[in-house]
Amino acid sequence: MLHVLPDVRLDFKTMTAIRKGKPVKLTKTMWRLMAILIAAGGDLVTRKDLNVLCFDSISMNIRSLDTFFAMIRKLLGNIIKTHHGLGYSWCPDGYVVKYTMHSRNQKKQKKK
């Protein structure tokens, strides 16, 4: 699986990441989290689901997820959307996710 964004290239087959032409080192956990979010196609993935899918645990400290996503943002830029108190979604630079509490249907729109 290869994802190419304006400043970021993610190659899941070789587990290599490049940002602005420079290699970026991601941990195996970061790769798993990114794969889960990308597979969800921009839909919200709850903290509980991330804990189960990534760590095989419901009781993982939810602040650990915050730390991982903060590190991913620092390394790759703003490609993750936080839904405070709910979870996260894949949201590459240049897009915003519209989310309502009553609907899990999310739409991506190009920033103007």
Protein backbone atom coordinates (compact mmCIF):
# COMPACT_ATOMS: atom_id res chain seq x y z
CA MET A 1 0.00 0.00 0.00
CA LEU A 2 1.48 3.32 -1.10
CA HIS A 3 0.12 6.75 -0.17
CA VAL A 4 1.60 9.84 -1.76
CA LEU A 5 0.61 13.28 -0.48
CA PRO A 6 2.09 16.64 -1.46
CA ASP A 7 4.84 16.49 1.21
CA VAL A 8 4.59 12.90 2.45
CA ARG A 9 5.11 9.47 0.93
CA LEU A 10 4.08 6.41 2.94
CA ASP A 11 5.04 2.96 1.66
CA PHE A 12 3.47 0.31 3.86
CA LYS A 13 5.12 -2.56 1.97
CA THR A 14 8.64 -1.39 2.78
CA MET A 15 7.61 0.59 5.88
CA THR A 16 9.36 3.70 4.63
CA ALA A 17 8.14 7.23 5.13
CA ILE A 18 9.47 10.36 3.45
CA ARG A 19 8.49 13.93 4.27
CA LYS A 20 9.74 16.81 2.16
CA GLY A 21 12.32 14.52 0.56
CA LYS A 22 13.80 13.30 3.85
CA PRO A 23 13.32 9.85 5.41
CA VAL A 24 11.22 9.71 8.57
CA LYS A 25 11.47 6.91 11.14
CA LEU A 26 8.11 5.60 12.35
CA THR A 27 7.66 2.90 14.98
CA LYS A 28 5.72 -0.30 14.23
CA THR A 29 2.90 1.03 16.40
CA MET A 30 2.75 4.26 14.39
CA TRP A 31 2.56 2.23 11.16
CA ARG A 32 -0.29 0.12 12.61
CA LEU A 33 -2.21 3.21 13.71
CA MET A 34 -1.76 4.87 10.31
CA ALA A 35 -2.88 1.70 8.50
CA ILE A 36 -6.03 1.50 10.64
CA LEU A 37 -6.97 5.13 9.97
CA ILE A 38 -6.24 4.95 6.24
CA ALA A 39 -8.26 1.72 5.94
CA ALA A 40 -11.21 3.56 7.54
CA GLY A 41 -11.11 5.99 4.61
CA GLY A 42 -11.48 9.15 6.64
CA ASP A 43 -14.23 7.82 8.91
CA LEU A 44 -13.91 8.25 12.65
CA VAL A 45 -12.13 5.39 14.42
CA THR A 46 -12.96 5.44 18.12
CA ARG A 47 -10.32 5.26 20.83
CA LYS A 48 -11.77 1.92 21.94
CA ASP A 49 -11.52 0.49 18.41
CA LEU A 50 -7.94 1.76 18.04
CA ASN A 51 -6.96 0.15 21.35
CA VAL A 52 -8.47 -3.19 20.31
CA LEU A 53 -7.15 -3.14 16.73
CA CYS A 54 -3.67 -1.84 17.53
CA PHE A 55 -2.94 -3.02 21.06
CA ASP A 56 -5.40 -5.94 21.52
CA SER A 57 -6.64 -4.17 24.63
CA ILE A 58 -9.70 -2.20 25.61
CA SER A 59 -8.04 -0.89 28.77
CA MET A 60 -4.94 0.69 27.20
CA ASN A 61 -4.31 4.16 28.59
CA ILE A 62 -6.10 6.51 26.16
CA ARG A 63 -3.40 9.13 26.66
CA SER A 64 -0.97 6.74 24.99
CA LEU A 65 -2.94 7.20 21.77
CA ASP A 66 -2.69 10.98 22.15
CA THR A 67 1.08 10.65 22.49
CA PHE A 68 1.42 8.41 19.43
CA PHE A 69 -0.69 10.74 17.28
CA ALA A 70 1.21 13.80 18.52
CA MET A 71 4.46 12.09 17.45
CA ILE A 72 2.96 11.17 14.05
CA ARG A 73 1.89 14.79 13.50
CA LYS A 74 5.34 16.05 14.46
CA LEU A 75 7.00 13.65 12.01
CA LEU A 76 4.51 13.74 9.10
CA GLY A 77 2.47 16.91 9.50
CA ASN A 78 -1.23 17.41 10.09
CA ILE A 79 -2.61 14.26 8.47
CA ILE A 80 -4.64 13.07 11.47
CA LYS A 81 -7.88 14.69 12.65
CA THR A 82 -8.69 14.51 16.36
CA HIS A 83 -12.34 14.12 17.33
CA HIS A 84 -12.02 15.18 20.97
CA GLY A 85 -13.32 12.56 23.37
CA LEU A 86 -14.19 10.21 20.51
CA GLY A 87 -11.21 9.16 18.42
CA TYR A 88 -9.26 9.98 15.27
CA SER A 89 -9.55 9.96 11.49
CA TRP A 90 -7.21 10.08 8.48
CA CYS A 91 -7.23 13.60 7.12
CA PRO A 92 -4.37 14.58 4.81
CA ASP A 93 -3.20 18.21 4.60
CA GLY A 94 -5.54 20.35 2.53
CA TYR A 95 -8.71 18.64 3.70
CA VAL A 96 -11.05 19.16 6.62
CA VAL A 97 -13.45 16.57 7.99
CA LYS A 98 -16.99 17.56 8.81
CA TYR A 99 -18.32 15.48 11.68
CA THR A 100 -21.58 15.61 13.56
CA MET A 101 -22.40 13.82 16.79
CA HIS A 102 -25.56 12.37 15.23
CA SER A 103 -23.97 10.86 12.16
CA ARG A 104 -20.87 8.83 11.49
CA ASN A 105 -21.03 9.86 7.85
CA GLN A 106 -18.18 12.24 7.26
CA LYS A 107 -17.37 14.27 4.20
CA LYS A 108 -14.02 15.57 3.06
CA GLN A 109 -13.94 18.99 1.48
CA LYS A 110 -11.00 20.78 -0.06
CA LYS A 111 -9.91 23.81 1.94
CA LYS A 112 -10.41 27.08 0.11
